[in-house]
């Protein structure tokens, strides 16, 4: 007969734990805690104690309570429910075991305790396949481990940021279900990315390539039809491809600290854009189509050579409330001549008032960088 037992005094009790169609006999002292019972059950069920829920007479037993105080007595039946994923080895034990195995398992309480101290860990490949999350940030990697490609369509998130990776091979195309791809802070060069592999990523919503050594982005970028966030700051980019206009779901674009001197007019097709950051580039103007970005709320353009903005920006971008023009040649006087300025200024002031209400901060005049004399020191 399988179960757990020990040399206890006359106060010991025999109970039956019902688990997945099995009846598991257990013998413990009545002064044992519910936590002791869970520890005894771990080697019999493969379910970790924190994944066990013991129910007696319709009530969940608390770890710190004793069996006696829980009214668990000799002959009682307790139900065990296991939380998904909180097991060791190959999963919960659902079959009967031999009598010899049972005898070895139940020799004494010390044997049971010893077994609980040797949990069997899943390999990282198994863990990645189960969770869909491959977390390899700051692992001193120079290449992507082969195990990543073995996960294939199981991967939903791949984080290999803050390493020294130089190459993204064609195998990247095996990750057809990936939703977040974090490649920032590596050593990636233009010629070391197989962009064709990215065309299979139909579910990719977040792509971070910030802090690498890229100078161009290819037309293949336009194939990422589900992309919502694109982070490409701190590279050496000189421009963006016309195909960026195909990213109709793009909401956040961070391209600050590059060498971008002009933008394609196709950006006006990115109608879902909410936040755009082109600060610290070499821009002298924005395409007129920026006025088509009706959902735009935040536009950061500081530290560029800009002298003006598209005349329809304030009129058409009816949700714009944050405009950063620090260290540009655009003045307040110029902005006040644009149609829609008053409505924008009201939205800006309203936003700042809400920040004041929540003690986030407040700036009195239009001090977001338009006009050298009004620029704040931050």
Protein backbone atom coordinates (compact mmCIF):
# COMPACT_ATOMS: atom_id res chain seq x y z
CA UNK A 1 0.00 0.00 0.00
CA UNK A 2 1.35 3.43 -0.89
CA UNK A 3 1.37 6.32 1.51
CA UNK A 4 3.50 8.07 4.13
CA UNK A 5 4.00 6.96 7.70
CA UNK A 6 6.40 7.32 10.63
CA UNK A 7 7.00 6.09 14.15
CA UNK A 8 4.56 8.23 16.08
CA UNK A 9 3.11 7.93 19.54
CA UNK A 10 -0.44 6.95 20.33
CA UNK A 11 -1.51 10.45 19.20
CA UNK A 12 -0.75 9.61 15.57
CA UNK A 13 -3.67 9.57 13.12
CA UNK A 14 -4.27 7.80 9.85
CA UNK A 15 -5.95 9.81 7.12
CA UNK A 16 -6.62 9.41 3.41
CA UNK A 17 -5.77 12.10 0.86
CA UNK A 18 -7.83 11.94 -2.34
CA UNK A 19 -5.87 13.14 -5.39
CA UNK A 20 -6.67 12.66 -9.08
CA UNK A 21 -8.62 9.46 -8.53
CA UNK A 22 -6.13 8.03 -6.03
CA UNK A 23 -6.52 7.38 -2.31
CA UNK A 24 -3.21 8.14 -0.58
CA UNK A 25 -2.94 6.88 3.03
CA UNK A 26 -0.85 9.11 5.30
CA UNK A 27 0.11 8.68 8.96
CA UNK A 28 1.15 11.74 10.94
CA UNK A 29 1.05 13.04 14.48
CA UNK A 30 -2.08 14.94 15.37
CA UNK A 31 0.21 17.81 16.38
CA UNK A 32 1.66 18.00 12.85
CA UNK A 33 0.82 21.12 10.88
CA UNK A 34 -0.92 21.28 7.54
CA UNK A 35 2.45 22.34 6.12
CA UNK A 36 3.95 19.07 7.45
CA UNK A 37 1.23 17.17 5.64
CA UNK A 38 2.00 18.99 2.37
CA UNK A 39 5.69 18.16 2.74
CA UNK A 40 4.81 14.50 3.21
CA UNK A 41 2.62 14.58 0.12
CA UNK A 42 5.21 16.14 -2.18
CA UNK A 43 7.19 12.92 -2.92
CA UNK A 44 3.92 11.00 -3.30
CA UNK A 45 2.34 13.41 -5.79
CA UNK A 46 5.20 15.44 -7.32
CA UNK A 47 3.20 18.57 -6.40
CA UNK A 48 5.22 21.26 -4.64
CA UNK A 49 3.80 22.33 -1.24
CA UNK A 50 3.06 25.86 -2.48
CA UNK A 51 1.01 24.34 -5.29
CA UNK A 52 -1.11 22.20 -2.95
CA UNK A 53 -4.56 23.17 -1.72
CA UNK A 54 -5.94 20.82 0.94
CA UNK A 55 -9.67 20.85 1.53
CA UNK A 56 -11.43 19.24 4.51
CA UNK A 57 -15.17 19.45 5.04
CA UNK A 58 -15.44 22.18 2.44
CA UNK A 59 -12.77 24.42 3.99
CA UNK A 60 -9.24 25.14 2.76
CA UNK A 61 -6.70 24.14 5.43
CA UNK A 62 -4.15 26.80 6.49
CA UNK A 63 -0.46 25.85 6.60
CA UNK A 64 0.12 26.99 10.19
CA UNK A 65 -2.81 25.07 11.70
CA UNK A 66 -2.28 21.64 13.24
CA UNK A 67 -4.27 18.64 12.13
CA UNK A 68 -5.89 18.55 15.57
CA UNK A 69 -7.01 22.19 15.45
CA UNK A 70 -8.27 21.63 11.90
CA UNK A 71 -10.44 18.76 13.28
CA UNK A 72 -8.64 16.26 11.05
CA UNK A 73 -8.87 13.04 13.00
CA UNK A 74 -8.16 9.34 12.55
CA UNK A 75 -9.91 8.08 9.41
CA UNK A 76 -10.54 11.57 7.95
CA UNK A 77 -10.55 12.11 4.20
CA UNK A 78 -8.85 15.22 2.79
CA UNK A 79 -8.98 16.38 -0.81
CA UNK A 80 -5.83 17.66 -2.57
CA UNK A 81 -6.08 20.10 -5.47
CA UNK A 82 -2.89 21.01 -7.38
CA UNK A 83 -2.16 24.37 -9.03
CA UNK A 84 -1.11 24.12 -12.68
CA UNK A 85 2.65 24.28 -13.21
CA UNK A 86 3.65 23.93 -9.54
CA UNK A 87 5.00 20.41 -9.77
CA UNK A 88 8.40 18.83 -10.05
CA UNK A 89 9.82 16.23 -12.40
CA UNK A 90 7.46 15.07 -15.12
CA UNK A 91 4.33 16.32 -13.45
CA UNK A 92 1.83 14.97 -10.91
CA UNK A 93 2.00 11.25 -10.13
CA UNK A 94 -1.31 9.78 -11.28
CA UNK A 95 -0.47 6.06 -11.29
CA UNK A 96 -0.12 3.51 -8.53
CA UNK A 97 3.44 2.71 -7.43
CA UNK A 98 4.92 -0.63 -6.37
CA UNK A 99 4.91 -1.80 -2.78
CA UNK A 100 8.72 -1.78 -2.69
CA UNK A 101 8.77 1.84 -3.81
CA UNK A 102 6.18 2.64 -1.17
CA UNK A 103 8.28 0.97 1.53
CA UNK A 104 11.34 2.96 0.54
CA UNK A 105 9.31 6.17 0.47
CA UNK A 106 7.75 5.63 3.87
CA UNK A 107 10.64 4.20 5.88
CA UNK A 108 10.55 7.14 8.26
CA UNK A 109 9.82 10.83 8.40
CA UNK A 110 13.48 11.64 7.86
CA UNK A 111 13.40 9.99 4.42
CA UNK A 112 10.36 12.04 3.46
CA UNK A 113 12.06 15.22 4.66
CA UNK A 114 15.22 14.40 2.67
CA UNK A 115 13.22 13.98 -0.52
CA UNK A 116 11.56 17.37 -0.13
CA UNK A 117 14.98 19.03 -0.09
CA UNK A 118 15.93 17.81 -3.59
CA UNK A 119 13.49 19.45 -6.05
CA UNK A 120 13.86 18.41 -9.66
CA UNK A 121 14.24 21.49 -11.88
CA UNK A 122 13.02 21.81 -15.44
CA UNK A 123 15.64 22.56 -18.06
CA UNK A 124 15.53 26.08 -19.41
CA UNK A 125 14.43 24.77 -22.81
CA UNK A 126 11.40 23.08 -21.21
CA UNK A 127 10.69 26.21 -19.19
CA UNK A 128 10.87 28.43 -22.27
CA UNK A 129 8.49 26.18 -24.18
CA UNK A 130 5.97 26.15 -21.33
CA UNK A 131 6.04 29.89 -20.55
CA UNK A 132 6.83 31.26 -24.00
CA UNK A 133 9.24 33.72 -22.37
CA UNK A 134 12.95 33.57 -23.18
CA UNK A 135 14.74 35.92 -20.77
CA UNK A 136 18.45 36.23 -21.53
CA UNK A 137 19.11 39.87 -20.71
CA UNK A 138 22.58 40.68 -19.31
CA UNK A 139 23.95 37.18 -19.82
CA UNK A 140 27.24 38.19 -21.51
CA UNK A 141 26.11 36.52 -24.74
CA UNK A 142 27.92 36.96 -28.04
CA UNK A 143 25.55 34.72 -30.01
CA UNK A 144 21.95 33.63 -29.51
CA UNK A 145 21.86 30.09 -28.01
CA UNK A 146 20.64 27.31 -30.31
CA UNK A 147 18.02 26.40 -27.70
CA UNK A 148 16.15 29.59 -28.59
CA UNK A 149 15.59 28.41 -32.16
CA UNK A 150 14.52 24.98 -30.85
CA UNK A 151 11.59 26.68 -29.11
CA UNK A 152 10.38 28.02 -32.47
CA UNK A 153 6.69 28.98 -32.45
CA UNK A 154 6.47 28.58 -28.64
CA UNK A 155 8.29 31.88 -28.07
CA UNK A 156 6.10 34.91 -27.29
CA UNK A 157 8.78 37.11 -25.71
CA UNK A 158 12.50 37.12 -26.51
CA UNK A 159 14.66 39.41 -24.38
CA UNK A 160 18.35 39.32 -25.26
CA UNK A 161 19.03 42.96 -24.40
CA UNK A 162 22.25 44.18 -22.80
CA UNK A 163 24.56 41.57 -24.28
CA UNK A 164 27.28 41.65 -26.95
CA UNK A 165 25.33 39.98 -29.74
CA UNK A 166 26.36 41.03 -33.25
CA UNK A 167 24.34 38.77 -35.52
CA UNK A 168 20.64 38.00 -35.98
CA UNK A 169 20.64 34.97 -38.32
CA UNK A 170 17.91 33.76 -40.66
CA UNK A 171 16.74 31.44 -37.88
CA UNK A 172 15.05 34.46 -36.32
CA UNK A 173 12.26 33.69 -38.78
CA UNK A 174 11.44 30.54 -36.78
CA UNK A 175 9.90 32.71 -34.06
CA UNK A 176 6.63 33.11 -35.93
CA UNK A 177 4.57 33.71 -32.77
CA UNK A 178 6.85 36.24 -31.08
CA UNK A 179 5.09 39.35 -29.78
CA UNK A 180 7.93 41.21 -28.03
CA UNK A 181 11.48 41.24 -29.37
CA UNK A 182 13.97 43.11 -27.17
CA UNK A 183 17.37 43.41 -28.87
CA UNK A 184 18.52 46.71 -27.41
CA UNK A 185 22.03 47.41 -26.10
CA UNK A 186 23.96 44.92 -28.22
CA UNK A 187 26.56 45.20 -31.01
CA UNK A 188 24.23 44.76 -33.98
CA UNK A 189 25.37 46.17 -37.35
CA UNK A 190 23.42 46.72 -40.58
CA UNK A 191 24.82 43.68 -42.37
CA UNK A 192 24.44 41.34 -39.41
CA UNK A 193 20.63 41.28 -39.39
CA UNK A 194 18.71 38.90 -41.62
CA UNK A 195 15.69 41.17 -42.09
CA UNK A 196 13.95 38.61 -44.30
CA UNK A 197 13.40 36.53 -41.18
CA UNK A 198 11.36 39.34 -39.64
CA UNK A 199 8.73 39.14 -42.39
CA UNK A 200 7.26 36.01 -40.77
CA UNK A 201 6.56 37.81 -37.48
CA UNK A 202 2.91 38.61 -38.04
CA UNK A 203 2.18 39.01 -34.31
CA UNK A 204 5.14 41.21 -33.34
CA UNK A 205 3.90 44.26 -31.39
CA UNK A 206 7.10 45.53 -29.72
CA UNK A 207 10.52 45.75 -31.39
CA UNK A 208 13.47 47.34 -29.59
CA UNK A 209 16.74 47.85 -31.46
CA UNK A 210 17.93 50.82 -29.41
CA UNK A 211 21.60 51.25 -28.53
CA UNK A 212 23.12 49.33 -31.43
CA UNK A 213 25.14 50.39 -34.49
CA UNK A 214 22.48 50.62 -37.19
CA UNK A 215 22.74 53.24 -39.94
CA UNK A 216 19.73 52.19 -42.04
CA UNK A 217 16.49 50.28 -41.75
CA UNK A 218 15.27 48.13 -44.67
CA UNK A 219 12.02 48.06 -46.60
CA UNK A 220 11.24 44.76 -44.85
CA UNK A 221 10.31 46.82 -41.79
CA UNK A 222 6.97 47.52 -43.46
CA UNK A 223 6.05 43.83 -43.25
CA UNK A 224 5.60 44.08 -39.47
CA UNK A 225 1.91 44.80 -39.83
CA UNK A 226 1.06 44.32 -36.12
CA UNK A 227 3.88 46.49 -34.76
CA UNK A 228 2.74 48.94 -32.07
CA UNK A 229 6.06 50.06 -30.58
CA UNK A 230 9.35 50.69 -32.38
CA UNK A 231 12.40 51.68 -30.33
CA UNK A 232 15.43 52.61 -32.45
CA UNK A 233 17.04 55.39 -30.40
CA UNK A 234 20.78 55.68 -29.86
CA UNK A 235 21.89 54.24 -33.18
CA UNK A 236 23.49 55.98 -36.19
CA UNK A 237 20.42 56.08 -38.41
CA UNK A 238 20.42 58.69 -41.15
CA UNK A 239 16.80 58.20 -42.20
CA UNK A 240 13.75 55.94 -42.21
CA UNK A 241 12.44 53.84 -45.13
CA UNK A 242 9.30 54.88 -47.01
CA UNK A 243 7.77 51.55 -45.97
CA UNK A 244 7.39 52.80 -42.41
CA UNK A 245 4.11 54.22 -43.65
CA UNK A 246 2.79 50.65 -43.85
CA UNK A 247 2.87 50.36 -40.04
CA UNK A 248 -0.75 51.35 -39.55
CA UNK A 249 -0.83 50.00 -35.96
CA UNK A 250 2.29 51.84 -34.79
CA UNK A 251 1.58 53.87 -31.63
CA UNK A 252 5.01 54.65 -30.15
CA UNK A 253 8.11 55.58 -32.16
CA UNK A 254 11.32 56.37 -30.26
CA UNK A 255 14.08 57.43 -32.67
CA UNK A 256 15.97 59.99 -30.61
CA UNK A 257 19.76 60.33 -30.62
CA UNK A 258 20.41 59.37 -34.23
CA UNK A 259 21.59 61.26 -37.34
CA UNK A 260 18.26 61.55 -39.13
CA UNK A 261 18.16 64.61 -41.41
CA UNK A 262 14.80 64.04 -43.13
CA UNK A 263 11.65 61.95 -42.74
CA UNK A 264 9.54 60.26 -45.43
CA UNK A 265 6.16 61.79 -46.16
CA UNK A 266 4.69 58.30 -45.82
CA UNK A 267 4.82 58.77 -42.03
CA UNK A 268 1.51 60.55 -42.40
CA UNK A 269 -0.02 57.11 -42.99
CA UNK A 270 0.90 55.97 -39.48
CA UNK A 271 -2.44 57.18 -38.19
CA UNK A 272 -2.27 55.29 -34.89
CA UNK A 273 0.82 57.16 -33.66
CA UNK A 274 0.36 58.57 -30.17
CA UNK A 275 3.93 59.31 -29.08
CA UNK A 276 6.88 60.28 -31.30
CA UNK A 277 10.41 61.19 -30.22
CA UNK A 278 12.88 62.54 -32.81
CA UNK A 279 14.95 64.62 -30.39
CA UNK A 280 18.70 64.97 -30.87
CA UNK A 281 18.78 64.38 -34.62
CA UNK A 282 19.63 66.57 -37.64
CA UNK A 283 16.11 67.47 -38.74
CA UNK A 284 15.54 70.80 -40.49
CA UNK A 285 11.86 70.25 -41.21
CA UNK A 286 8.98 67.80 -40.81
CA UNK A 287 6.95 66.49 -43.73
CA UNK A 288 3.63 68.28 -44.22
CA UNK A 289 1.87 64.93 -43.74
CA UNK A 290 2.58 65.10 -39.98
CA UNK A 291 -0.65 67.06 -39.83
CA UNK A 292 -2.48 63.81 -40.64
CA UNK A 293 -1.53 62.19 -37.33
CA UNK A 294 -4.87 62.84 -35.64
CA UNK A 295 -4.12 60.57 -32.65
CA UNK A 296 -0.79 62.20 -31.82
CA UNK A 297 -0.51 63.33 -28.19
CA UNK A 298 3.24 63.71 -27.61
CA UNK A 299 5.79 65.07 -30.07
CA UNK A 300 9.41 65.47 -28.91
CA UNK A 301 11.65 67.38 -31.34
CA UNK A 302 14.22 69.05 -29.11
CA UNK A 303 17.84 69.52 -30.16
CA UNK A 304 17.26 69.67 -33.93
CA UNK A 305 17.78 72.36 -36.55
CA UNK A 306 14.06 72.94 -37.01
CA UNK A 307 12.91 76.44 -37.96
CA UNK A 308 9.20 75.73 -38.47
CA UNK A 309 6.48 73.09 -38.23
CA UNK A 310 3.80 71.89 -40.66
CA UNK A 311 1.14 74.65 -40.65
CA UNK A 312 -1.70 72.14 -40.07
CA UNK A 313 -0.06 70.47 -37.06
CA UNK A 314 -2.14 72.19 -34.36
CA UNK A 315 -5.33 72.24 -36.39
CA UNK A 316 -5.35 68.58 -37.47
CA UNK A 317 -3.58 66.95 -34.51
CA UNK A 318 -6.49 67.66 -32.20
CA UNK A 319 -5.13 65.53 -29.32
CA UNK A 320 -1.62 66.95 -29.24
CA UNK A 321 -0.88 68.21 -25.70
CA UNK A 322 2.90 67.81 -25.32
CA UNK A 323 5.32 69.48 -27.72
CA UNK A 324 9.03 69.63 -26.88
CA UNK A 325 11.00 72.13 -28.99
CA UNK A 326 13.97 72.78 -26.75
CA UNK A 327 17.11 73.85 -28.58
CA UNK A 328 15.40 74.53 -31.90
CA UNK A 329 14.97 77.85 -33.72
CA UNK A 330 11.19 77.84 -33.39
CA UNK A 331 9.82 80.70 -31.29
CA UNK A 332 6.60 81.30 -29.43
CA UNK A 333 5.71 84.13 -31.78
CA UNK A 334 5.89 81.78 -34.75
CA UNK A 335 3.74 79.12 -33.09
CA UNK A 336 1.03 81.62 -32.17
CA UNK A 337 0.49 82.33 -35.86
CA UNK A 338 -0.51 78.72 -36.57
CA UNK A 339 -4.18 77.86 -36.87
CA UNK A 340 -5.28 75.77 -33.91
CA UNK A 341 -2.66 77.21 -31.54
CA UNK A 342 -5.22 78.36 -28.98
CA UNK A 343 -6.83 74.93 -28.73
CA UNK A 344 -3.42 73.27 -28.38
CA UNK A 345 -2.36 75.73 -25.70
CA UNK A 346 -5.56 75.01 -23.77
CA UNK A 347 -4.89 71.25 -23.91
CA UNK A 348 -1.31 71.82 -22.81
CA UNK A 349 -2.39 73.96 -19.86
CA UNK A 350 -5.08 71.47 -18.87
CA UNK A 351 -2.56 68.65 -18.86
CA UNK A 352 -0.16 70.65 -16.72
CA UNK A 353 -2.96 71.49 -14.31
CA UNK A 354 -3.72 67.80 -13.87
CA UNK A 355 -0.05 67.21 -13.20
CA UNK A 356 -0.17 69.94 -10.58
CA UNK A 357 -3.19 68.33 -8.97
CA UNK A 358 -1.26 65.10 -8.65
CA UNK A 359 1.89 66.93 -7.56
CA UNK A 360 3.79 65.88 -10.62
CA UNK A 361 4.84 69.41 -11.51
CA UNK A 362 3.65 72.51 -13.29
CA UNK A 363 5.12 75.08 -15.66
CA UNK A 364 3.35 78.42 -15.97
CA UNK A 365 3.96 79.74 -19.51
CA UNK A 366 4.54 77.89 -22.74
CA UNK A 367 8.02 76.79 -21.75
CA UNK A 368 8.43 73.61 -23.76
CA UNK A 369 11.38 74.98 -25.65
CA UNK A 370 9.89 77.39 -28.17
CA UNK A 371 11.83 80.62 -27.75
CA UNK A 372 15.26 80.80 -26.17
CA UNK A 373 14.18 83.26 -23.49
CA UNK A 374 11.49 80.98 -22.15
CA UNK A 375 13.37 77.71 -22.14
CA UNK A 376 13.43 76.01 -18.75
CA UNK A 377 16.60 74.63 -17.19
CA UNK A 378 16.11 70.85 -17.20
